Amino acid sequence: GEPTAEHLEMIRKGLVGSVIKSNGVKDNSRLQKI
């Protein structure tokens, strides 16, 4: 579902290599761009 602020901050800090349970072009495009 909707990522939390903590999720997004971890991605920005380079602390996430992989994600499970996020599906669909819309949601995954957003996370990948970050």
PDB file of all heavy atoms in Angstrom:
ATOM      1  N   GLY A   1       0.830  -1.196   0.000  1.00  0.00           N
ATOM      2  CA  GLY A   1       0.000   0.000   0.000  1.00  0.00           C
ATOM      3  C   GLY A   1       0.862   1.243   0.000  1.00  0.00           C
ATOM      4  O   GLY A   1       1.965   1.279  -0.549  1.00  0.00           O
ATOM      5  N   GLU A   2       0.403   2.279   0.655  1.00  0.00           N
ATOM      6  CA  GLU A   2       1.098   3.566   0.672  1.00  0.00           C
ATOM      7  C   GLU A   2       2.364   3.487   1.530  1.00  0.00           C
ATOM      8  O   GLU A   2       2.312   3.084   2.690  1.00  0.00           O
ATOM      9  CB  GLU A   2       0.171   4.647   1.236  1.00  0.00           C
ATOM     10  CG  GLU A   2       0.742   6.049   1.197  1.00  0.00           C
ATOM     11  CD  GLU A   2       0.916   6.591  -0.213  1.00  0.00           C
ATOM     12  OE1 GLU A   2       0.266   6.058  -1.149  1.00  0.00           O
ATOM     13  OE2 GLU A   2       1.692   7.542  -0.375  1.00  0.00           O
ATOM     14  N   PRO A   3       3.527   3.840   0.963  1.00  0.00           N
ATOM     15  CA  PRO A   3       4.752   3.814   1.770  1.00  0.00           C
ATOM     16  C   PRO A   3       4.713   4.864   2.865  1.00  0.00           C
ATOM     17  O   PRO A   3       4.136   5.945   2.702  1.00  0.00           O
ATOM     18  CB  PRO A   3       5.851   4.110   0.743  1.00  0.00           C
ATOM     19  CG  PRO A   3       5.171   4.844  -0.355  1.00  0.00           C
ATOM     20  CD  PRO A   3       3.772   4.289  -0.425  1.00  0.00           C
ATOM     21  N   THR A   4       5.328   4.556   3.982  1.00  0.00           N
ATOM     22  CA  THR A   4       5.391   5.521   5.081  1.00  0.00           C
ATOM     23  C   THR A   4       6.519   6.507   4.837  1.00  0.00           C
ATOM     24  O   THR A   4       7.403   6.298   3.990  1.00  0.00           O
ATOM     25  CB  THR A   4       5.652   4.798   6.409  1.00  0.00           C
ATOM     26  OG1 THR A   4       6.958   4.214   6.366  1.00  0.00           O
ATOM     27  CG2 THR A   4       4.610   3.720   6.662  1.00  0.00           C
ATOM     28  N   ALA A   5       6.515   7.575   5.601  1.00  0.00           N
ATOM     29  CA  ALA A   5       7.606   8.550   5.513  1.00  0.00           C
ATOM     30  C   ALA A   5       8.938   7.895   5.849  1.00  0.00           C
ATOM     31  O   ALA A   5       9.981   8.225   5.266  1.00  0.00           O
ATOM     32  CB  ALA A   5       7.331   9.724   6.454  1.00  0.00           C
ATOM     33  N   GLU A   6       8.909   6.952   6.784  1.00  0.00           N
ATOM     34  CA  GLU A   6      10.134   6.248   7.155  1.00  0.00           C
ATOM     35  C   GLU A   6      10.665   5.416   5.991  1.00  0.00           C
ATOM     36  O   GLU A   6      11.871   5.369   5.736  1.00  0.00           O
ATOM     37  CB  GLU A   6       9.869   5.346   8.360  1.00  0.00           C
ATOM     38  CG  GLU A   6      11.112   4.615   8.853  1.00  0.00           C
ATOM     39  CD  GLU A   6      10.816   3.705  10.033  1.00  0.00           C
ATOM     40  OE1 GLU A   6       9.647   3.667  10.485  1.00  0.00           O
ATOM     41  OE2 GLU A   6      11.748   3.024  10.488  1.00  0.00           O
ATOM     42  N   HIS A   7       9.745   4.747   5.269  1.00  0.00           N
ATOM     43  CA  HIS A   7      10.157   3.989   4.092  1.00  0.00           C
ATOM     44  C   HIS A   7      10.868   4.884   3.093  1.00  0.00           C
ATOM     45  O   HIS A   7      11.953   4.551   2.589  1.00  0.00           O
ATOM     46  CB  HIS A   7       8.930   3.363   3.407  1.00  0.00           C
ATOM     47  CG  HIS A   7       8.310   2.237   4.158  1.00  0.00           C
ATOM     48  ND1 HIS A   7       6.940   2.003   4.130  1.00  0.00           N
ATOM     49  CD2 HIS A   7       8.836   1.279   4.959  1.00  0.00           C
ATOM     50  CE1 HIS A   7       6.668   0.948   4.865  1.00  0.00           C
ATOM     51  NE2 HIS A   7       7.795   0.490   5.387  1.00  0.00           N
ATOM     52  N   LEU A   8      10.271   6.028   2.778  1.00  0.00           N
ATOM     53  CA  LEU A   8      10.828   6.928   1.769  1.00  0.00           C
ATOM     54  C   LEU A   8      12.172   7.487   2.218  1.00  0.00           C
ATOM     55  O   LEU A   8      13.101   7.630   1.402  1.00  0.00           O
ATOM     56  CB  LEU A   8       9.841   8.060   1.474  1.00  0.00           C
ATOM     57  CG  LEU A   8       8.466   7.616   0.925  1.00  0.00           C
ATOM     58  CD1 LEU A   8       7.579   8.832   0.684  1.00  0.00           C
ATOM     59  CD2 LEU A   8       8.620   6.811  -0.352  1.00  0.00           C
ATOM     60  N   GLU A   9      12.295   7.766   3.508  1.00  0.00           N
ATOM     61  CA  GLU A   9      13.557   8.302   4.006  1.00  0.00           C
ATOM     62  C   GLU A   9      14.662   7.244   3.919  1.00  0.00           C
ATOM     63  O   GLU A   9      15.818   7.568   3.575  1.00  0.00           O
ATOM     64  CB  GLU A   9      13.379   8.771   5.456  1.00  0.00           C
ATOM     65  CG  GLU A   9      14.611   9.462   6.044  1.00  0.00           C
ATOM     66  CD  GLU A   9      14.994  10.732   5.306  1.00  0.00           C
ATOM     67  OE1 GLU A   9      14.149  11.294   4.574  1.00  0.00           O
ATOM     68  OE2 GLU A   9      16.156  11.165   5.455  1.00  0.00           O
ATOM     69  N   MET A  10      14.328   5.996   4.207  1.00  0.00           N
ATOM     70  CA  MET A  10      15.315   4.935   4.087  1.00  0.00           C
ATOM     71  C   MET A  10      15.786   4.779   2.650  1.00  0.00           C
ATOM     72  O   MET A  10      16.985   4.582   2.380  1.00  0.00           O
ATOM     73  CB  MET A  10      14.732   3.611   4.597  1.00  0.00           C
ATOM     74  CG  MET A  10      14.534   3.537   6.097  1.00  0.00           C
ATOM     75  SD  MET A  10      13.841   1.940   6.609  1.00  0.00           S
ATOM     76  CE  MET A  10      15.216   0.847   6.273  1.00  0.00           C
ATOM     77  N   ILE A  11      14.858   4.875   1.703  1.00  0.00           N
ATOM     78  CA  ILE A  11      15.235   4.766   0.288  1.00  0.00           C
ATOM     79  C   ILE A  11      16.160   5.913  -0.102  1.00  0.00           C
ATOM     80  O   ILE A  11      17.184   5.710  -0.767  1.00  0.00           O
ATOM     81  CB  ILE A  11      13.974   4.732  -0.604  1.00  0.00           C
ATOM     82  CG1 ILE A  11      13.177   3.445  -0.346  1.00  0.00           C
ATOM     83  CG2 ILE A  11      14.358   4.826  -2.079  1.00  0.00           C
ATOM     84  CD1 ILE A  11      11.829   3.393  -1.031  1.00  0.00           C
ATOM     85  N   ARG A  12      15.839   7.107   0.328  1.00  0.00           N
ATOM     86  CA  ARG A  12      16.678   8.271  -0.010  1.00  0.00           C
ATOM     87  C   ARG A  12      18.081   8.145   0.580  1.00  0.00           C
ATOM     88  O   ARG A  12      19.053   8.629   0.009  1.00  0.00           O
ATOM     89  CB  ARG A  12      16.003   9.551   0.478  1.00  0.00           C
ATOM     90  CG  ARG A  12      14.748   9.925  -0.295  1.00  0.00           C
ATOM     91  CD  ARG A  12      14.221  11.300   0.088  1.00  0.00           C
ATOM     92  NE  ARG A  12      13.048  11.632  -0.701  1.00  0.00           N
ATOM     93  CZ  ARG A  12      11.785  11.504  -0.282  1.00  0.00           C
ATOM     94  NH1 ARG A  12      11.545  11.046   0.954  1.00  0.00           N
ATOM     95  NH2 ARG A  12      10.786  11.809  -1.063  1.00  0.00           N
ATOM     96  N   LYS A  13      18.196   7.495   1.719  1.00  0.00           N
ATOM     97  CA  LYS A  13      19.511   7.324   2.348  1.00  0.00           C
ATOM     98  C   LYS A  13      20.281   6.125   1.793  1.00  0.00           C
ATOM     99  O   LYS A  13      21.385   5.836   2.247  1.00  0.00           O
ATOM    100  CB  LYS A  13      19.331   7.152   3.859  1.00  0.00           C
ATOM    101  CG  LYS A  13      18.912   8.427   4.580  1.00  0.00           C
ATOM    102  CD  LYS A  13      18.791   8.167   6.084  1.00  0.00           C
ATOM    103  CE  LYS A  13      18.443   9.455   6.833  1.00  0.00           C
ATOM    104  NZ  LYS A  13      18.311   9.205   8.295  1.00  0.00           N
ATOM    105  N   GLY A  14      19.699   5.438   0.810  1.00  0.00           N
ATOM    106  CA  GLY A  14      20.367   4.275   0.247  1.00  0.00           C
ATOM    107  C   GLY A  14      20.359   3.073   1.150  1.00  0.00           C
ATOM    108  O   GLY A  14      21.245   2.214   1.064  1.00  0.00           O
ATOM    109  N   LEU A  15      19.358   2.970   2.033  1.00  0.00           N
ATOM    110  CA  LEU A  15      19.304   1.895   3.010  1.00  0.00           C
ATOM    111  C   LEU A  15      18.319   0.794   2.633  1.00  0.00           C
ATOM    112  O   LEU A  15      18.004  -0.076   3.447  1.00  0.00           O
ATOM    113  CB  LEU A  15      18.926   2.462   4.391  1.00  0.00           C
ATOM    114  CG  LEU A  15      19.866   3.546   4.933  1.00  0.00           C
ATOM    115  CD1 LEU A  15      19.411   4.009   6.308  1.00  0.00           C
ATOM    116  CD2 LEU A  15      21.304   3.043   4.984  1.00  0.00           C
ATOM    117  N   VAL A  16      17.831   0.823   1.400  1.00  0.00           N
ATOM    118  CA  VAL A  16      16.898  -0.197   0.909  1.00  0.00           C
ATOM    119  C   VAL A  16      17.419  -0.717  -0.425  1.00  0.00           C
ATOM    120  O   VAL A  16      17.566   0.050  -1.380  1.00  0.00           O
ATOM    121  CB  VAL A  16      15.474   0.367   0.738  1.00  0.00           C
ATOM    122  CG1 VAL A  16      14.556  -0.686   0.112  1.00  0.00           C
ATOM    123  CG2 VAL A  16      14.917   0.837   2.075  1.00  0.00           C
ATOM    124  N   GLY A  17      17.681  -2.024  -0.479  1.00  0.00           N
ATOM    125  CA  GLY A  17      18.123  -2.610  -1.735  1.00  0.00           C
ATOM    126  C   GLY A  17      17.000  -3.265  -2.504  1.00  0.00           C
ATOM    127  O   GLY A  17      17.009  -3.299  -3.732  1.00  0.00           O
ATOM    128  N   SER A  18      16.005  -3.789  -1.778  1.00  0.00           N
ATOM    129  CA  SER A  18      14.905  -4.517  -2.404  1.00  0.00           C
ATOM    130  C   SER A  18      13.617  -4.252  -1.643  1.00  0.00           C
ATOM    131  O   SER A  18      13.640  -3.930  -0.448  1.00  0.00           O
ATOM    132  CB  SER A  18      15.180  -6.023  -2.416  1.00  0.00           C
ATOM    133  OG  SER A  18      16.370  -6.329  -3.096  1.00  0.00           O
ATOM    134  N   VAL A  19      12.503  -4.413  -2.352  1.00  0.00           N
ATOM    135  CA  VAL A  19      11.184  -4.188  -1.760  1.00  0.00           C
ATOM    136  C   VAL A  19      10.277  -5.352  -2.135  1.00  0.00           C
ATOM    137  O   VAL A  19      10.258  -5.806  -3.286  1.00  0.00           O
ATOM    138  CB  VAL A  19      10.570  -2.859  -2.246  1.00  0.00           C
ATOM    139  CG1 VAL A  19       9.109  -2.743  -1.795  1.00  0.00           C
ATOM    140  CG2 VAL A  19      11.374  -1.675  -1.726  1.00  0.00           C
ATOM    141  N   ILE A  20       9.525  -5.834  -1.157  1.00  0.00           N
ATOM    142  CA  ILE A  20       8.512  -6.852  -1.378  1.00  0.00           C
ATOM    143  C   ILE A  20       7.136  -6.248  -1.107  1.00  0.00           C
ATOM    144  O   ILE A  20       6.994  -5.343  -0.280  1.00  0.00           O
ATOM    145  CB  ILE A  20       8.749  -8.070  -0.450  1.00  0.00           C
ATOM    146  CG1 ILE A  20       7.707  -9.160  -0.707  1.00  0.00           C
ATOM    147  CG2 ILE A  20       8.757  -7.672   1.006  1.00  0.00           C
ATOM    148  CD1 ILE A  20       7.929 -10.428   0.126  1.00  0.00           C
ATOM    149  N   LYS A  21       6.151  -6.732  -1.830  1.00  0.00           N
ATOM    150  CA  LYS A  21       4.731  -6.405  -1.652  1.00  0.00           C
ATOM    151  C   LYS A  21       4.295  -5.089  -2.312  1.00  0.00           C
ATOM    152  O   LYS A  21       3.125  -4.733  -2.234  1.00  0.00           O
ATOM    153  CB  LYS A  21       4.327  -6.395  -0.167  1.00  0.00           C
ATOM    154  CG  LYS A  21       4.456  -7.745   0.515  1.00  0.00           C
ATOM    155  CD  LYS A  21       3.639  -8.806  -0.196  1.00  0.00           C
ATOM    156  CE  LYS A  21       3.820 -10.181   0.395  1.00  0.00           C
ATOM    157  NZ  LYS A  21       3.187 -11.234  -0.441  1.00  0.00           N
ATOM    158  N   SER A  22       5.215  -4.374  -2.935  1.00  0.00           N
ATOM    159  CA  SER A  22       4.810  -3.201  -3.713  1.00  0.00           C
ATOM    160  C   SER A  22       4.616  -3.652  -5.151  1.00  0.00           C
ATOM    161  O   SER A  22       5.526  -4.219  -5.761  1.00  0.00           O
ATOM    162  CB  SER A  22       5.881  -2.112  -3.636  1.00  0.00           C
ATOM    163  OG  SER A  22       5.493  -0.990  -4.409  1.00  0.00           O
ATOM    164  N   ASN A  23       3.430  -3.437  -5.690  1.00  0.00           N
ATOM    165  CA  ASN A  23       3.076  -3.949  -7.007  1.00  0.00           C
ATOM    166  C   ASN A  23       2.482  -2.869  -7.886  1.00  0.00           C
ATOM    167  O   ASN A  23       1.834  -1.938  -7.405  1.00  0.00           O
ATOM    168  CB  ASN A  23       2.055  -5.088  -6.871  1.00  0.00           C
ATOM    169  CG  ASN A  23       2.659  -6.361  -6.335  1.00  0.00           C
ATOM    170  OD1 ASN A  23       3.024  -7.240  -7.095  1.00  0.00           O
ATOM    171  ND2 ASN A  23       2.775  -6.463  -5.019  1.00  0.00           N
ATOM    172  N   GLY A  24       2.682  -3.026  -9.171  1.00  0.00           N
ATOM    173  CA  GLY A  24       2.062  -2.147 -10.150  1.00  0.00           C
ATOM    174  C   GLY A  24       2.996  -1.054 -10.619  1.00  0.00           C
ATOM    175  O   GLY A  24       3.855  -0.567  -9.885  1.00  0.00           O
ATOM    176  N   VAL A  25       2.838  -0.660 -11.870  1.00  0.00           N
ATOM    177  CA  VAL A  25       3.710   0.343 -12.487  1.00  0.00           C
ATOM    178  C   VAL A  25       3.652   1.674 -11.746  1.00  0.00           C
ATOM    179  O   VAL A  25       4.686   2.301 -11.502  1.00  0.00           O
ATOM    180  CB  VAL A  25       3.326   0.525 -13.969  1.00  0.00           C
ATOM    181  CG1 VAL A  25       4.001   1.764 -14.554  1.00  0.00           C
ATOM    182  CG2 VAL A  25       3.703  -0.717 -14.770  1.00  0.00           C
ATOM    183  N   LYS A  26       2.470   2.085 -11.354  1.00  0.00           N
ATOM    184  CA  LYS A  26       2.334   3.392 -10.709  1.00  0.00           C
ATOM    185  C   LYS A  26       3.146   3.469  -9.416  1.00  0.00           C
ATOM    186  O   LYS A  26       3.971   4.376  -9.231  1.00  0.00           O
ATOM    187  CB  LYS A  26       0.862   3.678 -10.419  1.00  0.00           C
ATOM    188  CG  LYS A  26       0.631   5.028  -9.744  1.00  0.00           C
ATOM    189  CD  LYS A  26      -0.854   5.250  -9.460  1.00  0.00           C
ATOM    190  CE  LYS A  26      -1.083   6.570  -8.719  1.00  0.00           C
ATOM    191  NZ  LYS A  26      -2.517   6.770  -8.391  1.00  0.00           N
ATOM    192  N   ASP A  27       2.935   2.515  -8.507  1.00  0.00           N
ATOM    193  CA  ASP A  27       3.609   2.551  -7.212  1.00  0.00           C
ATOM    194  C   ASP A  27       5.105   2.285  -7.340  1.00  0.00           C
ATOM    195  O   ASP A  27       5.927   2.952  -6.700  1.00  0.00           O
ATOM    196  CB  ASP A  27       2.984   1.530  -6.267  1.00  0.00           C
ATOM    197  CG  ASP A  27       1.587   1.930  -5.815  1.00  0.00           C
ATOM    198  OD1 ASP A  27       1.213   3.106  -6.014  1.00  0.00           O
ATOM    199  OD2 ASP A  27       0.864   1.076  -5.277  1.00  0.00           O
ATOM    200  N   ASN A  28       5.467   1.327  -8.164  1.00  0.00           N
ATOM    201  CA  ASN A  28       6.879   0.974  -8.270  1.00  0.00           C
ATOM    202  C   ASN A  28       7.681   2.024  -9.030  1.00  0.00           C
ATOM    203  O   ASN A  28       8.865   2.224  -8.754  1.00  0.00           O
ATOM    204  CB  ASN A  28       7.033  -0.407  -8.904  1.00  0.00           C
ATOM    205  CG  ASN A  28       6.602  -1.513  -7.957  1.00  0.00           C
ATOM    206  OD1 ASN A  28       6.126  -1.250  -6.860  1.00  0.00           O
ATOM    207  ND2 ASN A  28       6.770  -2.755  -8.363  1.00  0.00           N
ATOM    208  N   SER A  29       7.045   2.718  -9.958  1.00  0.00           N
ATOM    209  CA  SER A  29       7.730   3.821 -10.653  1.00  0.00           C
ATOM    210  C   SER A  29       8.082   4.932  -9.666  1.00  0.00           C
ATOM    211  O   SER A  29       9.185   5.491  -9.705  1.00  0.00           O
ATOM    212  CB  SER A  29       6.843   4.390 -11.767  1.00  0.00           C
ATOM    213  OG  SER A  29       6.668   3.472 -12.804  1.00  0.00           O
ATOM    214  N   ARG A  30       7.150   5.216  -8.790  1.00  0.00           N
ATOM    215  CA  ARG A  30       7.391   6.269  -7.799  1.00  0.00           C
ATOM    216  C   ARG A  30       8.585   5.931  -6.913  1.00  0.00           C
ATOM    217  O   ARG A  30       9.491   6.755  -6.720  1.00  0.00           O
ATOM    218  CB  ARG A  30       6.133   6.466  -6.942  1.00  0.00           C
ATOM    219  CG  ARG A  30       6.309   7.472  -5.805  1.00  0.00           C
ATOM    220  CD  ARG A  30       5.139   7.405  -4.848  1.00  0.00           C
ATOM    221  NE  ARG A  30       5.332   8.300  -3.707  1.00  0.00           N
ATOM    222  CZ  ARG A  30       4.586   8.280  -2.606  1.00  0.00           C
ATOM    223  NH1 ARG A  30       3.582   7.410  -2.520  1.00  0.00           N
ATOM    224  NH2 ARG A  30       4.815   9.117  -1.610  1.00  0.00           N
ATOM    225  N   LEU A  31       8.590   4.708  -6.393  1.00  0.00           N
ATOM    226  CA  LEU A  31       9.677   4.304  -5.508  1.00  0.00           C
ATOM    227  C   LEU A  31      11.003   4.218  -6.256  1.00  0.00           C
ATOM    228  O   LEU A  31      12.056   4.603  -5.729  1.00  0.00           O
ATOM    229  CB  LEU A  31       9.351   2.964  -4.864  1.00  0.00           C
ATOM    230  CG  LEU A  31       8.137   2.929  -3.920  1.00  0.00           C
ATOM    231  CD1 LEU A  31       7.891   1.516  -3.420  1.00  0.00           C
ATOM    232  CD2 LEU A  31       8.322   3.884  -2.747  1.00  0.00           C
ATOM    233  N   GLN A  32      10.947   3.726  -7.493  1.00  0.00           N
ATOM    234  CA  GLN A  32      12.192   3.591  -8.254  1.00  0.00           C
ATOM    235  C   GLN A  32      12.801   4.950  -8.586  1.00  0.00           C
ATOM    236  O   GLN A  32      14.030   5.112  -8.536  1.00  0.00           O
ATOM    237  CB  GLN A  32      11.929   2.797  -9.546  1.00  0.00           C
ATOM    238  CG  GLN A  32      13.168   2.249 -10.220  1.00  0.00           C
ATOM    239  CD  GLN A  32      13.818   1.132  -9.438  1.00  0.00           C
ATOM    240  OE1 GLN A  32      14.369   1.373  -8.356  1.00  0.00           O
ATOM    241  NE2 GLN A  32      13.764  -0.084  -9.965  1.00  0.00           N
ATOM    242  N   LYS A  33      11.976   5.918  -8.895  1.00  0.00           N
ATOM    243  CA  LYS A  33      12.493   7.258  -9.192  1.00  0.00           C
ATOM    244  C   LYS A  33      13.182   7.865  -7.971  1.00  0.00           C
ATOM    245  O   LYS A  33      14.212   8.526  -8.091  1.00  0.00           O
ATOM    246  CB  LYS A  33      11.352   8.160  -9.669  1.00  0.00           C
ATOM    247  CG  LYS A  33      10.916   7.886 -11.103  1.00  0.00           C
ATOM    248  CD  LYS A  33       9.812   8.836 -11.538  1.00  0.00           C
ATOM    249  CE  LYS A  33       9.403   8.565 -12.976  1.00  0.00           C
ATOM    250  NZ  LYS A  33       8.319   9.482 -13.420  1.00  0.00           N
ATOM    251  N   ILE A  34      12.611   7.629  -6.821  1.00  0.00           N
ATOM    252  CA  ILE A  34      13.249   8.145  -5.597  1.00  0.00           C
ATOM    253  C   ILE A  34      14.605   7.480  -5.409  1.00  0.00           C
ATOM    254  O   ILE A  34      15.608   8.143  -5.103  1.00  0.00           O
ATOM    255  CB  ILE A  34      12.344   7.909  -4.377  1.00  0.00           C
ATOM    256  CG1 ILE A  34      11.066   8.755  -4.488  1.00  0.00           C
ATOM    257  CG2 ILE A  34      13.084   8.242  -3.078  1.00  0.00           C
ATOM    258  CD1 ILE A  34      10.033   8.442  -3.420  1.00  0.00           C
TER     259      ILE A  34
END
